[in-house]
C-alpha atoms as a PDB file:
ATOM      1  CA  MET A   1       0.000   0.000   0.000  1.00  0.00           C
ATOM      2  CA  ILE A   2       2.803   2.438   0.841  1.00  0.00           C
ATOM      3  CA  ASN A   3       4.625   1.659  -2.378  1.00  0.00           C
ATOM      4  CA  TYR A   4       1.500   2.357  -4.417  1.00  0.00           C
ATOM      5  CA  ILE A   5       1.032   5.759  -2.716  1.00  0.00           C
ATOM      6  CA  LEU A   6       4.646   6.729  -3.506  1.00  0.00           C
ATOM      7  CA  MET A   7       4.440   5.441  -7.075  1.00  0.00           C
ATOM      8  CA  LYS A   8       1.352   7.463  -7.957  1.00  0.00           C
ATOM      9  CA  PRO A   9       3.116  10.909  -7.975  1.00  0.00           C
ATOM     10  CA  ILE A  10       6.096   9.468  -9.837  1.00  0.00           C
ATOM     11  CA  LEU A  11       3.864   7.961 -12.526  1.00  0.00           C
ATOM     12  CA  PHE A  12       1.993  11.268 -12.785  1.00  0.00           C
ATOM     13  CA  LEU A  13       5.270  13.176 -13.327  1.00  0.00           C
ATOM     14  CA  ILE A  14       6.441  10.722 -15.976  1.00  0.00           C
ATOM     15  CA  LEU A  15       3.106  10.995 -17.774  1.00  0.00           C
ATOM     16  CA  LEU A  16       3.229  14.804 -17.563  1.00  0.00           C
ATOM     17  CA  MET A  17       6.755  14.897 -19.015  1.00  0.00           C
ATOM     18  CA  ALA A  18       5.804  12.570 -21.849  1.00  0.00           C
ATOM     19  CA  VAL A  19       2.786  14.672 -22.776  1.00  0.00           C
ATOM     20  CA  SER A  20       4.666  17.969 -22.576  1.00  0.00           C
ATOM     21  CA  CYS A  21       7.495  16.670 -24.771  1.00  0.00           C
ATOM     22  CA  SER A  22       5.129  15.470 -27.460  1.00  0.00           C
ATOM     23  CA  THR A  23       2.896  18.566 -27.684  1.00  0.00           C
ATOM     24  CA  GLY A  24       5.551  20.821 -29.236  1.00  0.00           C
ATOM     25  CA  LYS A  25       5.062  23.558 -26.670  1.00  0.00           C
ATOM     26  CA  THR A  26       7.254  24.643 -23.829  1.00  0.00           C
ATOM     27  CA  VAL A  27       6.145  25.097 -20.246  1.00  0.00           C
ATOM     28  CA  THR A  28       5.333  28.755 -21.019  1.00  0.00           C
ATOM     29  CA  GLY A  29       2.983  27.680 -23.806  1.00  0.00           C
ATOM     30  CA  LYS A  30       5.071  29.119 -26.645  1.00  0.00           C
ATOM     31  CA  GLU A  31       5.821  27.055 -29.715  1.00  0.00           C
ATOM     32  CA  ARG A  32       9.294  25.608 -29.950  1.00  0.00           C
ATOM     33  CA  THR A  33      11.253  26.524 -33.033  1.00  0.00           C
ATOM     34  CA  ALA A  34      13.838  24.147 -34.308  1.00  0.00           C
ATOM     35  CA  ILE A  35      17.166  25.527 -35.443  1.00  0.00           C
ATOM     36  CA  VAL A  36      17.626  24.468 -39.015  1.00  0.00           C
ATOM     37  CA  ALA A  37      21.102  24.484 -40.515  1.00  0.00           C
ATOM     38  CA  ASP A  38      21.347  22.963 -43.916  1.00  0.00           C
ATOM     39  CA  HIS A  39      24.394  22.563 -46.093  1.00  0.00           C
ATOM     40  CA  LYS A  40      23.479  25.552 -48.271  1.00  0.00           C
ATOM     41  CA  SER A  41      23.264  28.009 -45.358  1.00  0.00           C
ATOM     42  CA  TYR A  42      26.559  26.711 -43.969  1.00  0.00           C
ATOM     43  CA  GLY A  43      28.182  27.186 -47.371  1.00  0.00           C
ATOM     44  CA  GLU A  44      26.882  30.745 -47.622  1.00  0.00           C
ATOM     45  CA  TYR A  45      28.137  31.505 -44.110  1.00  0.00           C
ATOM     46  CA  ASP A  46      31.534  30.024 -44.929  1.00  0.00           C
ATOM     47  CA  GLN A  47      31.735  32.056 -48.143  1.00  0.00           C
ATOM     48  CA  MET A  48      30.816  35.290 -46.330  1.00  0.00           C
ATOM     49  CA  PHE A  49      33.433  34.532 -43.668  1.00  0.00           C
ATOM     50  CA  HIS A  50      36.147  34.150 -46.313  1.00  0.00           C
ATOM     51  CA  ILE A  51      35.046  37.323 -48.131  1.00  0.00           C
ATOM     52  CA  ASN A  52      35.126  39.327 -44.892  1.00  0.00           C
ATOM     53  CA  ARG A  53      38.550  37.907 -44.053  1.00  0.00           C
ATOM     54  CA  ALA A  54      39.892  38.847 -47.503  1.00  0.00           C
ATOM     55  CA  ILE A  55      38.537  42.396 -47.134  1.00  0.00           C
ATOM     56  CA  GLN A  56      40.112  42.661 -43.689  1.00  0.00           C
ATOM     57  CA  GLN A  57      43.491  41.467 -45.019  1.00  0.00           C
ATOM     58  CA  GLN A  58      43.290  43.918 -47.910  1.00  0.00           C
ATOM     59  CA  GLU A  59      42.463  46.762 -45.528  1.00  0.00           C
ATOM     60  CA  GLU A  60      45.397  45.817 -43.279  1.00  0.00           C
ATOM     61  CA  ALA A  61      47.751  45.938 -46.304  1.00  0.00           C
ATOM     62  CA  THR A  62      46.500  49.395 -47.366  1.00  0.00           C
ATOM     63  CA  ILE A  63      47.856  52.742 -46.182  1.00  0.00           C
ATOM     64  CA  TYR A  64      45.398  55.657 -46.208  1.00  0.00           C
ATOM     65  CA  LEU A  65      46.811  59.163 -46.501  1.00  0.00           C
ATOM     66  CA  LEU A  66      45.055  62.515 -46.126  1.00  0.00           C
ATOM     67  CA  ASN A  67      47.224  65.430 -47.261  1.00  0.00           C
ATOM     68  CA  GLY A  68      50.304  63.238 -46.775  1.00  0.00           C
ATOM     69  CA  LYS A  69      49.409  62.100 -43.225  1.00  0.00           C
ATOM     70  CA  LYS A  70      48.518  58.516 -42.390  1.00  0.00           C
ATOM     71  CA  ILE A  71      44.890  58.122 -41.209  1.00  0.00           C
ATOM     72  CA  SER A  72      42.647  55.230 -40.191  1.00  0.00           C
ATOM     73  CA  PRO A  73      40.298  53.534 -42.693  1.00  0.00           C
ATOM     74  CA  GLU A  74      37.299  54.853 -40.741  1.00  0.00           C
ATOM     75  CA  LYS A  75      38.533  58.448 -40.932  1.00  0.00           C
ATOM     76  CA  PHE A  76      39.278  57.947 -44.633  1.00  0.00           C
ATOM     77  CA  ARG A  77      35.699  56.817 -45.305  1.00  0.00           C
ATOM     78  CA  LYS A  78      34.380  59.706 -43.233  1.00  0.00           C
ATOM     79  CA  GLN A  79      36.408  62.188 -45.279  1.00  0.00           C
ATOM     80  CA  LEU A  80      35.114  60.715 -48.536  1.00  0.00           C
ATOM     81  CA  SER A  81      31.520  60.916 -47.358  1.00  0.00           C
ATOM     82  CA  ARG A  82      31.792  64.683 -46.927  1.00  0.00           C
ATOM     83  CA  LYS A  83      30.748  66.874 -49.828  1.00  0.00           C
ATOM     84  CA  ASN A  84      34.224  68.334 -50.315  1.00  0.00           C
ATOM     85  CA  THR A  85      36.168  67.898 -53.545  1.00  0.00           C
ATOM     86  CA  TYR A  86      39.274  65.751 -53.240  1.00  0.00           C
ATOM     87  CA  SER A  87      42.060  64.610 -55.483  1.00  0.00           C
ATOM     88  CA  MET A  88      42.578  60.871 -55.045  1.00  0.00           C
ATOM     89  CA  GLU A  89      45.570  58.767 -56.008  1.00  0.00           C
ATOM     90  CA  GLU A  90      45.895  54.992 -55.696  1.00  0.00           C
ATOM     91  CA  ILE A  91      49.359  53.448 -55.758  1.00  0.00           C
ATOM     92  CA  THR A  92      49.751  49.690 -56.192  1.00  0.00           C
ATOM     93  CA  ALA A  93      53.147  49.442 -57.926  1.00  0.00           C
ATOM     94  CA  PRO A  94      55.789  48.056 -55.532  1.00  0.00           C
ATOM     95  CA  GLY A  95      58.435  50.483 -56.813  1.00  0.00           C
ATOM     96  CA  LEU A  96      56.236  53.523 -56.110  1.00  0.00           C
ATOM     97  CA  ILE A  97      55.298  52.145 -52.686  1.00  0.00           C
ATOM     98  CA  ARG A  98      59.014  51.859 -51.838  1.00  0.00           C
ATOM     99  CA  THR A  99      59.653  55.446 -53.001  1.00  0.00           C
ATOM    100  CA  ARG A 100      57.002  56.588 -50.514  1.00  0.00           C
ATOM    101  CA  GLY A 101      59.008  54.915 -47.741  1.00  0.00           C
ATOM    102  CA  TYR A 102      56.906  51.795 -47.132  1.00  0.00           C
ATOM    103  CA  ASP A 103      57.818  48.109 -47.374  1.00  0.00           C
ATOM    104  CA  ALA A 104      56.197  46.740 -50.532  1.00  0.00           C
ATOM    105  CA  ASP A 105      56.041  43.238 -49.039  1.00  0.00           C
ATOM    106  CA  VAL A 106      53.759  44.459 -46.230  1.00  0.00           C
ATOM    107  CA  VAL A 107      51.943  47.368 -47.899  1.00  0.00           C
ATOM    108  CA  LYS A 108      50.123  46.372 -51.075  1.00  0.00           C
ATOM    109  CA  ARG A 109      48.282  49.648 -51.756  1.00  0.00           C
ATOM    110  CA  ILE A 110      48.430  53.316 -50.831  1.00  0.00           C
ATOM    111  CA  ILE A 111      45.354  55.474 -51.261  1.00  0.00           C
ATOM    112  CA  SER A 112      46.054  59.168 -50.916  1.00  0.00           C
ATOM    113  CA  ILE A 113      43.516  61.977 -50.919  1.00  0.00           C
ATOM    114  CA  SER A 114      44.264  65.685 -50.822  1.00  0.00           C
ATOM    115  CA  ARG A 115      42.184  68.827 -50.869  1.00  0.00           C
END
């Protein structure tokens, strides 16, 4: 008799868990959403990761100059977004990069703007 009294709440809890797992709802009553990751979405993510990494490497190998002074890429973009007129020069030739005083093995491009 005592074993039956103790087993009743345990059986009730097991039944409750089985029903709640099969209904598709959480304890709060909201629908569960499954995370779906297929091969195509992984491939697109991987491609975007490699594109972002290539852009980052290209930005690291670029020197930005404003009136002959080195500036950050963010400040360079900010200067270009203004409505001022600039003269822009892009240097990619290793010989010209060396004449500007930079190592052509590290620096692949110099972008210079002047007013």
